[in-house]
Each structure stands twice: as C-alpha cells, then as structure tokens.
PDB file of N, CA and C in Angstrom:
ATOM      1  N   MET A   1     -18.115  28.323 -11.383  1.00  0.00           N
ATOM      2  CA  MET A   1     -18.181  26.962 -11.844  1.00  0.00           C
ATOM      3  C   MET A   1     -17.670  26.030 -10.737  1.00  0.00           C
ATOM      4  N   ILE A   2     -18.508  25.119 -10.306  1.00  0.00           N
ATOM      5  CA  ILE A   2     -18.150  24.193  -9.239  1.00  0.00           C
ATOM      6  C   ILE A   2     -17.956  22.802  -9.835  1.00  0.00           C
ATOM      7  N   GLU A   3     -16.845  22.185  -9.470  1.00  0.00           N
ATOM      8  CA  GLU A   3     -16.583  20.829  -9.952  1.00  0.00           C
ATOM      9  C   GLU A   3     -16.721  19.847  -8.799  1.00  0.00           C
ATOM     10  N   ASN A   4     -17.410  18.763  -9.057  1.00  0.00           N
ATOM     11  CA  ASN A   4     -17.581  17.733  -8.043  1.00  0.00           C
ATOM     12  C   ASN A   4     -16.605  16.582  -8.219  1.00  0.00           C
ATOM     13  N   SER A   5     -15.734  16.660  -9.223  1.00  0.00           N
ATOM     14  CA  SER A   5     -14.809  15.554  -9.469  1.00  0.00           C
ATOM     15  C   SER A   5     -13.693  15.555  -8.438  1.00  0.00           C
ATOM     16  N   ARG A   6     -13.404  14.361  -7.917  1.00  0.00           N
ATOM     17  CA  ARG A   6     -12.313  14.203  -6.965  1.00  0.00           C
ATOM     18  C   ARG A   6     -11.072  13.752  -7.702  1.00  0.00           C
ATOM     19  N   LYS A   7      -9.924  14.098  -7.145  1.00  0.00           N
ATOM     20  CA  LYS A   7      -8.670  13.618  -7.699  1.00  0.00           C
ATOM     21  C   LYS A   7      -8.533  12.137  -7.360  1.00  0.00           C
ATOM     22  N   MET A   8      -8.175  11.324  -8.346  1.00  0.00           N
ATOM     23  CA  MET A   8      -7.993   9.896  -8.118  1.00  0.00           C
ATOM     24  C   MET A   8      -6.713   9.667  -7.330  1.00  0.00           C
ATOM     25  N   ASN A   9      -6.817   8.967  -6.221  1.00  0.00           N
ATOM     26  CA  ASN A   9      -5.655   8.656  -5.403  1.00  0.00           C
ATOM     27  C   ASN A   9      -4.972   7.406  -5.937  1.00  0.00           C
ATOM     28  N   ARG A  10      -3.661   7.330  -5.722  1.00  0.00           N
ATOM     29  CA  ARG A  10      -2.919   6.147  -6.152  1.00  0.00           C
ATOM     30  C   ARG A  10      -3.326   4.953  -5.306  1.00  0.00           C
ATOM     31  N   THR A  11      -3.449   3.803  -5.935  1.00  0.00           N
ATOM     32  CA  THR A  11      -3.707   2.567  -5.213  1.00  0.00           C
ATOM     33  C   THR A  11      -2.620   1.567  -5.561  1.00  0.00           C
ATOM     34  N   LEU A  12      -2.187   0.818  -4.565  1.00  0.00           N
ATOM     35  CA  LEU A  12      -1.161  -0.196  -4.745  1.00  0.00           C
ATOM     36  C   LEU A  12      -1.618  -1.486  -4.084  1.00  0.00           C
ATOM     37  N   GLN A  13      -1.049  -2.589  -4.551  1.00  0.00           N
ATOM     38  CA  GLN A  13      -1.369  -3.896  -4.006  1.00  0.00           C
ATOM     39  C   GLN A  13      -0.108  -4.480  -3.395  1.00  0.00           C
ATOM     40  N   GLY A  14      -0.210  -5.018  -2.181  1.00  0.00           N
ATOM     41  CA  GLY A  14       0.968  -5.567  -1.531  1.00  0.00           C
ATOM     42  C   GLY A  14       0.618  -6.535  -0.420  1.00  0.00           C
ATOM     43  N   ARG A  15       1.658  -7.101   0.187  1.00  0.00           N
ATOM     44  CA  ARG A  15       1.489  -8.088   1.243  1.00  0.00           C
ATOM     45  C   ARG A  15       1.858  -7.479   2.593  1.00  0.00           C
ATOM     46  N   VAL A  16       1.029  -7.734   3.601  1.00  0.00           N
ATOM     47  CA  VAL A  16       1.290  -7.242   4.956  1.00  0.00           C
ATOM     48  C   VAL A  16       2.440  -8.058   5.546  1.00  0.00           C
ATOM     49  N   VAL A  17       3.518  -7.365   5.949  1.00  0.00           N
ATOM     50  CA  VAL A  17       4.671  -8.057   6.530  1.00  0.00           C
ATOM     51  C   VAL A  17       4.768  -7.848   8.037  1.00  0.00           C
ATOM     52  N   SER A  18       4.097  -6.838   8.571  1.00  0.00           N
ATOM     53  CA  SER A  18       4.118  -6.605  10.013  1.00  0.00           C
ATOM     54  C   SER A  18       2.799  -5.984  10.456  1.00  0.00           C
ATOM     55  N   ASP A  19       2.258  -6.508  11.559  1.00  0.00           N
ATOM     56  CA  ASP A  19       1.025  -5.953  12.129  1.00  0.00           C
ATOM     57  C   ASP A  19       1.182  -5.725  13.627  1.00  0.00           C
ATOM     58  N   LYS A  20       2.397  -5.434  14.067  1.00  0.00           N
ATOM     59  CA  LYS A  20       2.689  -5.298  15.497  1.00  0.00           C
ATOM     60  C   LYS A  20       2.322  -3.930  16.072  1.00  0.00           C
ATOM     61  N   MET A  21       2.058  -2.940  15.223  1.00  0.00           N
ATOM     62  CA  MET A  21       1.723  -1.600  15.701  1.00  0.00           C
ATOM     63  C   MET A  21       0.213  -1.453  15.885  1.00  0.00           C
ATOM     64  N   ASP A  22      -0.194  -0.494  16.698  1.00  0.00           N
ATOM     65  CA  ASP A  22      -1.614  -0.206  16.874  1.00  0.00           C
ATOM     66  C   ASP A  22      -2.121   0.578  15.672  1.00  0.00           C
ATOM     67  N   LYS A  23      -3.180   0.082  15.029  1.00  0.00           N
ATOM     68  CA  LYS A  23      -3.851   0.746  13.908  1.00  0.00           C
ATOM     69  C   LYS A  23      -2.961   0.948  12.686  1.00  0.00           C
ATOM     70  N   THR A  24      -1.829   0.258  12.608  1.00  0.00           N
ATOM     71  CA  THR A  24      -0.908   0.423  11.483  1.00  0.00           C
ATOM     72  C   THR A  24      -0.341  -0.930  11.073  1.00  0.00           C
ATOM     73  N   VAL A  25      -0.205  -1.133   9.762  1.00  0.00           N
ATOM     74  CA  VAL A  25       0.476  -2.315   9.239  1.00  0.00           C
ATOM     75  C   VAL A  25       1.567  -1.860   8.284  1.00  0.00           C
ATOM     76  N   THR A  26       2.572  -2.716   8.095  1.00  0.00           N
ATOM     77  CA  THR A  26       3.613  -2.462   7.113  1.00  0.00           C
ATOM     78  C   THR A  26       3.309  -3.328   5.900  1.00  0.00           C
ATOM     79  N   VAL A  27       3.217  -2.693   4.729  1.00  0.00           N
ATOM     80  CA  VAL A  27       2.857  -3.392   3.498  1.00  0.00           C
ATOM     81  C   VAL A  27       4.045  -3.367   2.550  1.00  0.00           C
ATOM     82  N   LEU A  28       4.445  -4.548   2.056  1.00  0.00           N
ATOM     83  CA  LEU A  28       5.534  -4.675   1.100  1.00  0.00           C
ATOM     84  C   LEU A  28       4.934  -4.704  -0.301  1.00  0.00           C
ATOM     85  N   VAL A  29       5.297  -3.710  -1.130  1.00  0.00           N
ATOM     86  CA  VAL A  29       4.806  -3.617  -2.500  1.00  0.00           C
ATOM     87  C   VAL A  29       5.963  -3.929  -3.437  1.00  0.00           C
ATOM     88  N   GLU A  30       5.765  -4.918  -4.306  1.00  0.00           N
ATOM     89  CA  GLU A  30       6.792  -5.285  -5.279  1.00  0.00           C
ATOM     90  C   GLU A  30       6.336  -4.868  -6.669  1.00  0.00           C
ATOM     91  N   ARG A  31       7.289  -4.355  -7.461  1.00  0.00           N
ATOM     92  CA  ARG A  31       6.988  -3.987  -8.844  1.00  0.00           C
ATOM     93  C   ARG A  31       8.112  -4.480  -9.734  1.00  0.00           C
ATOM     94  N   LYS A  32       7.791  -4.760 -10.976  1.00  0.00           N
ATOM     95  CA  LYS A  32       8.778  -5.266 -11.919  1.00  0.00           C
ATOM     96  C   LYS A  32       9.159  -4.155 -12.883  1.00  0.00           C
ATOM     97  N   VAL A  33      10.471  -3.945 -13.041  1.00  0.00           N
ATOM     98  CA  VAL A  33      10.978  -2.930 -13.962  1.00  0.00           C
ATOM     99  C   VAL A  33      12.001  -3.574 -14.878  1.00  0.00           C
ATOM    100  N   LYS A  34      12.114  -3.036 -16.069  1.00  0.00           N
ATOM    101  CA  LYS A  34      13.076  -3.536 -17.036  1.00  0.00           C
ATOM    102  C   LYS A  34      14.360  -2.728 -16.921  1.00  0.00           C
ATOM    103  N   HIS A  35      15.508  -3.410 -16.852  1.00  0.00           N
ATOM    104  CA  HIS A  35      16.803  -2.731 -16.785  1.00  0.00           C
ATOM    105  C   HIS A  35      17.012  -1.980 -18.093  1.00  0.00           C
ATOM    106  N   PRO A  36      17.432  -0.705 -18.029  1.00  0.00           N
ATOM    107  CA  PRO A  36      17.531   0.100 -19.253  1.00  0.00           C
ATOM    108  C   PRO A  36      18.574  -0.396 -20.255  1.00  0.00           C
ATOM    109  N   VAL A  37      19.655  -1.006 -19.806  1.00  0.00           N
ATOM    110  CA  VAL A  37      20.717  -1.444 -20.715  1.00  0.00           C
ATOM    111  C   VAL A  37      20.620  -2.937 -21.016  1.00  0.00           C
ATOM    112  N   ILE A  38      20.558  -3.743 -19.976  1.00  0.00           N
ATOM    113  CA  ILE A  38      20.582  -5.195 -20.146  1.00  0.00           C
ATOM    114  C   ILE A  38      19.239  -5.728 -20.639  1.00  0.00           C
ATOM    115  N   GLY A  39      18.143  -5.126 -20.172  1.00  0.00           N
ATOM    116  CA  GLY A  39      16.822  -5.577 -20.575  1.00  0.00           C
ATOM    117  C   GLY A  39      16.229  -6.626 -19.653  1.00  0.00           C
ATOM    118  N   LYS A  40      16.959  -7.010 -18.614  1.00  0.00           N
ATOM    119  CA  LYS A  40      16.481  -8.012 -17.670  1.00  0.00           C
ATOM    120  C   LYS A  40      15.370  -7.427 -16.798  1.00  0.00           C
ATOM    121  N   ILE A  41      14.387  -8.250 -16.468  1.00  0.00           N
ATOM    122  CA  ILE A  41      13.300  -7.822 -15.595  1.00  0.00           C
ATOM    123  C   ILE A  41      13.762  -7.940 -14.143  1.00  0.00           C
ATOM    124  N   LEU A  42      13.710  -6.837 -13.410  1.00  0.00           N
ATOM    125  CA  LEU A  42      14.133  -6.789 -12.015  1.00  0.00           C
ATOM    126  C   LEU A  42      12.922  -6.561 -11.120  1.00  0.00           C
ATOM    127  N   VAL A  43      12.970  -7.103  -9.919  1.00  0.00           N
ATOM    128  CA  VAL A  43      11.896  -6.900  -8.946  1.00  0.00           C
ATOM    129  C   VAL A  43      12.363  -5.863  -7.936  1.00  0.00           C
ATOM    130  N   ARG A  44      11.667  -4.749  -7.891  1.00  0.00           N
ATOM    131  CA  ARG A  44      11.952  -3.686  -6.925  1.00  0.00           C
ATOM    132  C   ARG A  44      10.855  -3.718  -5.864  1.00  0.00           C
ATOM    133  N   SER A  45      11.232  -3.489  -4.614  1.00  0.00           N
ATOM    134  CA  SER A  45      10.240  -3.523  -3.546  1.00  0.00           C
ATOM    135  C   SER A  45      10.382  -2.307  -2.645  1.00  0.00           C
ATOM    136  N   LYS A  46       9.272  -1.936  -2.019  1.00  0.00           N
ATOM    137  CA  LYS A  46       9.248  -0.816  -1.092  1.00  0.00           C
ATOM    138  C   LYS A  46       8.211  -1.106  -0.018  1.00  0.00           C
ATOM    139  N   LYS A  47       8.494  -0.660   1.205  1.00  0.00           N
ATOM    140  CA  LYS A  47       7.566  -0.855   2.316  1.00  0.00           C
ATOM    141  C   LYS A  47       6.830   0.445   2.615  1.00  0.00           C
ATOM    142  N   TYR A  48       5.535   0.331   2.848  1.00  0.00           N
ATOM    143  CA  TYR A  48       4.690   1.469   3.197  1.00  0.00           C
ATOM    144  C   TYR A  48       4.011   1.187   4.532  1.00  0.00           C
ATOM    145  N   HIS A  49       3.847   2.216   5.352  1.00  0.00           N
ATOM    146  CA  HIS A  49       3.063   2.109   6.579  1.00  0.00           C
ATOM    147  C   HIS A  49       1.649   2.547   6.219  1.00  0.00           C
ATOM    148  N   ALA A  50       0.665   1.712   6.546  1.00  0.00           N
ATOM    149  CA  ALA A  50      -0.717   1.996   6.174  1.00  0.00           C
ATOM    150  C   ALA A  50      -1.628   1.905   7.392  1.00  0.00           C
ATOM    151  N   ASP A  51      -2.649   2.758   7.406  1.00  0.00           N
ATOM    152  CA  ASP A  51      -3.626   2.812   8.489  1.00  0.00           C
ATOM    153  C   ASP A  51      -4.667   1.710   8.301  1.00  0.00           C
ATOM    154  N   ILE A  52      -5.048   1.032   9.376  1.00  0.00           N
ATOM    155  CA  ILE A  52      -6.056  -0.037   9.296  1.00  0.00           C
ATOM    156  C   ILE A  52      -7.217   0.224  10.248  1.00  0.00           C
ATOM    157  N   SER A  53      -7.654   1.465  10.348  1.00  0.00           N
ATOM    158  CA  SER A  53      -8.729   1.786  11.287  1.00  0.00           C
ATOM    159  C   SER A  53     -10.065   1.176  10.865  1.00  0.00           C
ATOM    160  N   ALA A  54     -10.292   0.969   9.556  1.00  0.00           N
ATOM    161  CA  ALA A  54     -11.581   0.466   9.088  1.00  0.00           C
ATOM    162  C   ALA A  54     -11.556  -1.024   8.746  1.00  0.00           C
ATOM    163  N   VAL A  55     -10.386  -1.577   8.446  1.00  0.00           N
ATOM    164  CA  VAL A  55     -10.272  -2.962   7.983  1.00  0.00           C
ATOM    165  C   VAL A  55      -9.371  -3.743   8.937  1.00  0.00           C
ATOM    166  N   VAL A  56      -9.583  -5.044   9.030  1.00  0.00           N
ATOM    167  CA  VAL A  56      -8.723  -5.901   9.850  1.00  0.00           C
ATOM    168  C   VAL A  56      -7.804  -6.680   8.917  1.00  0.00           C
ATOM    169  N   ALA A  57      -6.493  -6.464   9.059  1.00  0.00           N
ATOM    170  CA  ALA A  57      -5.505  -7.171   8.246  1.00  0.00           C
ATOM    171  C   ALA A  57      -4.400  -7.687   9.154  1.00  0.00           C
ATOM    172  N   ILE A  58      -3.972  -8.920   8.904  1.00  0.00           N
ATOM    173  CA  ILE A  58      -2.891  -9.511   9.687  1.00  0.00           C
ATOM    174  C   ILE A  58      -1.728  -9.843   8.764  1.00  0.00           C
ATOM    175  N   ALA A  59      -0.591 -10.197   9.349  1.00  0.00           N
ATOM    176  CA  ALA A  59       0.611 -10.492   8.570  1.00  0.00           C
ATOM    177  C   ALA A  59       0.336 -11.627   7.589  1.00  0.00           C
ATOM    178  N   GLY A  60       0.768 -11.432   6.342  1.00  0.00           N
ATOM    179  CA  GLY A  60       0.574 -12.428   5.297  1.00  0.00           C
ATOM    180  C   GLY A  60      -0.591 -12.137   4.375  1.00  0.00           C
ATOM    181  N   ASP A  61      -1.486 -11.229   4.753  1.00  0.00           N
ATOM    182  CA  ASP A  61      -2.639 -10.901   3.916  1.00  0.00           C
ATOM    183  C   ASP A  61      -2.222 -10.078   2.704  1.00  0.00           C
ATOM    184  N   LEU A  62      -2.906 -10.294   1.589  1.00  0.00           N
ATOM    185  CA  LEU A  62      -2.727  -9.475   0.393  1.00  0.00           C
ATOM    186  C   LEU A  62      -3.764  -8.358   0.466  1.00  0.00           C
ATOM    187  N   VAL A  63      -3.305  -7.094   0.439  1.00  0.00           N
ATOM    188  CA  VAL A  63      -4.206  -5.964   0.646  1.00  0.00           C
ATOM    189  C   VAL A  63      -4.051  -4.921  -0.457  1.00  0.00           C
ATOM    190  N   MET A  64      -5.071  -4.079  -0.576  1.00  0.00           N
ATOM    191  CA  MET A  64      -5.051  -2.929  -1.469  1.00  0.00           C
ATOM    192  C   MET A  64      -4.914  -1.698  -0.586  1.00  0.00           C
ATOM    193  N   ILE A  65      -3.922  -0.834  -0.883  1.00  0.00           N
ATOM    194  CA  ILE A  65      -3.736   0.388  -0.103  1.00  0.00           C
ATOM    195  C   ILE A  65      -3.950   1.595  -1.008  1.00  0.00           C
ATOM    196  N   GLU A  66      -4.431   2.678  -0.419  1.00  0.00           N
ATOM    197  CA  GLU A  66      -4.728   3.901  -1.159  1.00  0.00           C
ATOM    198  C   GLU A  66      -4.046   5.081  -0.483  1.00  0.00           C
ATOM    199  N   GLU A  67      -3.504   5.965  -1.293  1.00  0.00           N
ATOM    200  CA  GLU A  67      -2.837   7.152  -0.772  1.00  0.00           C
ATOM    201  C   GLU A  67      -3.868   8.101  -0.166  1.00  0.00           C
ATOM    202  N   CYS A  68      -3.489   8.752   0.929  1.00  0.00           N
ATOM    203  CA  CYS A  68      -4.380   9.705   1.591  1.00  0.00           C
ATOM    204  C   CYS A  68      -3.544  10.845   2.157  1.00  0.00           C
ATOM    205  N   ALA A  69      -4.200  11.775   2.804  1.00  0.00           N
ATOM    206  CA  ALA A  69      -3.481  12.872   3.459  1.00  0.00           C
ATOM    207  C   ALA A  69      -2.621  12.300   4.576  1.00  0.00           C
ATOM    208  N   PRO A  70      -1.471  12.905   4.864  1.00  0.00           N
ATOM    209  CA  PRO A  70      -0.593  12.359   5.898  1.00  0.00           C
ATOM    210  C   PRO A  70      -1.303  12.225   7.250  1.00  0.00           C
ATOM    211  N   ILE A  71      -1.179  11.027   7.832  1.00  0.00           N
ATOM    212  CA  ILE A  71      -1.782  10.743   9.127  1.00  0.00           C
ATOM    213  C   ILE A  71      -0.755  10.955  10.230  1.00  0.00           C
ATOM    214  N   SER A  72       0.495  10.608   9.935  1.00  0.00           N
ATOM    215  CA  SER A  72       1.596  10.813  10.874  1.00  0.00           C
ATOM    216  C   SER A  72       2.868  11.056  10.063  1.00  0.00           C
ATOM    217  N   LYS A  73       4.012  11.035  10.740  1.00  0.00           N
ATOM    218  CA  LYS A  73       5.286  11.303  10.063  1.00  0.00           C
ATOM    219  C   LYS A  73       5.568  10.297   8.946  1.00  0.00           C
ATOM    220  N   THR A  74       5.254   9.034   9.169  1.00  0.00           N
ATOM    221  CA  THR A  74       5.578   7.996   8.187  1.00  0.00           C
ATOM    222  C   THR A  74       4.357   7.376   7.521  1.00  0.00           C
ATOM    223  N   LYS A  75       3.160   7.781   7.923  1.00  0.00           N
ATOM    224  CA  LYS A  75       1.954   7.110   7.443  1.00  0.00           C
ATOM    225  C   LYS A  75       1.095   8.035   6.589  1.00  0.00           C
ATOM    226  N   ALA A  76       1.004   7.719   5.280  1.00  0.00           N
ATOM    227  CA  ALA A  76       0.161   8.490   4.367  1.00  0.00           C
ATOM    228  C   ALA A  76      -0.625   7.563   3.443  1.00  0.00           C
ATOM    229  N   TRP A  77      -0.861   6.336   3.891  1.00  0.00           N
ATOM    230  CA  TRP A  77      -1.618   5.342   3.130  1.00  0.00           C
ATOM    231  C   TRP A  77      -2.642   4.707   4.053  1.00  0.00           C
ATOM    232  N   LYS A  78      -3.730   4.194   3.479  1.00  0.00           N
ATOM    233  CA  LYS A  78      -4.719   3.469   4.268  1.00  0.00           C
ATOM    234  C   LYS A  78      -5.110   2.194   3.524  1.00  0.00           C
ATOM    235  N   VAL A  79      -5.387   1.145   4.284  1.00  0.00           N
ATOM    236  CA  VAL A  79      -5.807  -0.125   3.696  1.00  0.00           C
ATOM    237  C   VAL A  79      -7.279  -0.002   3.341  1.00  0.00           C
ATOM    238  N   THR A  80      -7.617  -0.242   2.063  1.00  0.00           N
ATOM    239  CA  THR A  80      -9.005  -0.123   1.631  1.00  0.00           C
ATOM    240  C   THR A  80      -9.722  -1.464   1.633  1.00  0.00           C
ATOM    241  N   GLN A  81      -9.004  -2.541   1.266  1.00  0.00           N
ATOM    242  CA  GLN A  81      -9.634  -3.857   1.289  1.00  0.00           C
ATOM    243  C   GLN A  81      -8.596  -4.961   1.399  1.00  0.00           C
ATOM    244  N   VAL A  82      -9.042  -6.088   1.926  1.00  0.00           N
ATOM    245  CA  VAL A  82      -8.194  -7.277   2.013  1.00  0.00           C
ATOM    246  C   VAL A  82      -8.562  -8.162   0.831  1.00  0.00           C
ATOM    247  N   LEU A  83      -7.588  -8.418  -0.061  1.00  0.00           N
ATOM    248  CA  LEU A  83      -7.848  -9.199  -1.264  1.00  0.00           C
ATOM    249  C   LEU A  83      -7.831 -10.696  -0.986  1.00  0.00           C
ATOM    250  N   SER A  84      -6.891 -11.147  -0.166  1.00  0.00           N
ATOM    251  CA  SER A  84      -6.867 -12.560   0.221  1.00  0.00           C
ATOM    252  C   SER A  84      -6.230 -12.694   1.597  1.00  0.00           C
ATOM    253  N   LYS A  85      -6.764 -13.627   2.363  1.00  0.00           N
ATOM    254  CA  LYS A  85      -6.248 -13.882   3.706  1.00  0.00           C
ATOM    255  C   LYS A  85      -5.042 -14.805   3.629  1.00  0.00           C
ATOM    256  N   SER A  86      -4.188 -14.744   4.660  1.00  0.00           N
ATOM    257  CA  SER A  86      -2.991 -15.594   4.688  1.00  0.00           C
ATOM    258  C   SER A  86      -3.339 -17.014   5.082  1.00  0.00           C
TER     259      SER A  86
END
C-alpha cells in the first residue's frame, strides 16, 4: 500500500527583523497566551532563522515561514511568501 499524502509542515507568520545575512532572514513570531492563574493575555515572542533562496524579503516585511528539513545548525525554516511589504 503506497500513500501519496505528505505530512503537513508547520507554518508561522512573523515580521522580518534582520536581513543582513546571505540567503537568511531573522523572523520575529509573536503569539498570545493566557496566563494560567491570573488570566491576563501575554505576548510571547521567538526569533527564527529562515531561508530566502526563492523569495525576496527585507527588514520590516510580514512573511509566512514553513518548517523544513534542517538547512544548517540554526536554520530549519524557509520563507514561503511575503504577505505585506514594509
């Protein structure tokens, strides 16, 4: 039995904060979580290094990134599309 279904990769949306590296951008992803005791909504953020070999993105752009096989020690994401320009 052969299956043609691919595993869905995680996709995240974030803002490019650095484009100083060759073929790599740093993307800041913010998410909102509820505090378990107080109930206040908190903003948590994390930075990801993403590959930009197919798309052109500069600092300030809103981009969609997708998880992929590790490209380097710190890079396991790739930019799939630019949602809005800075």
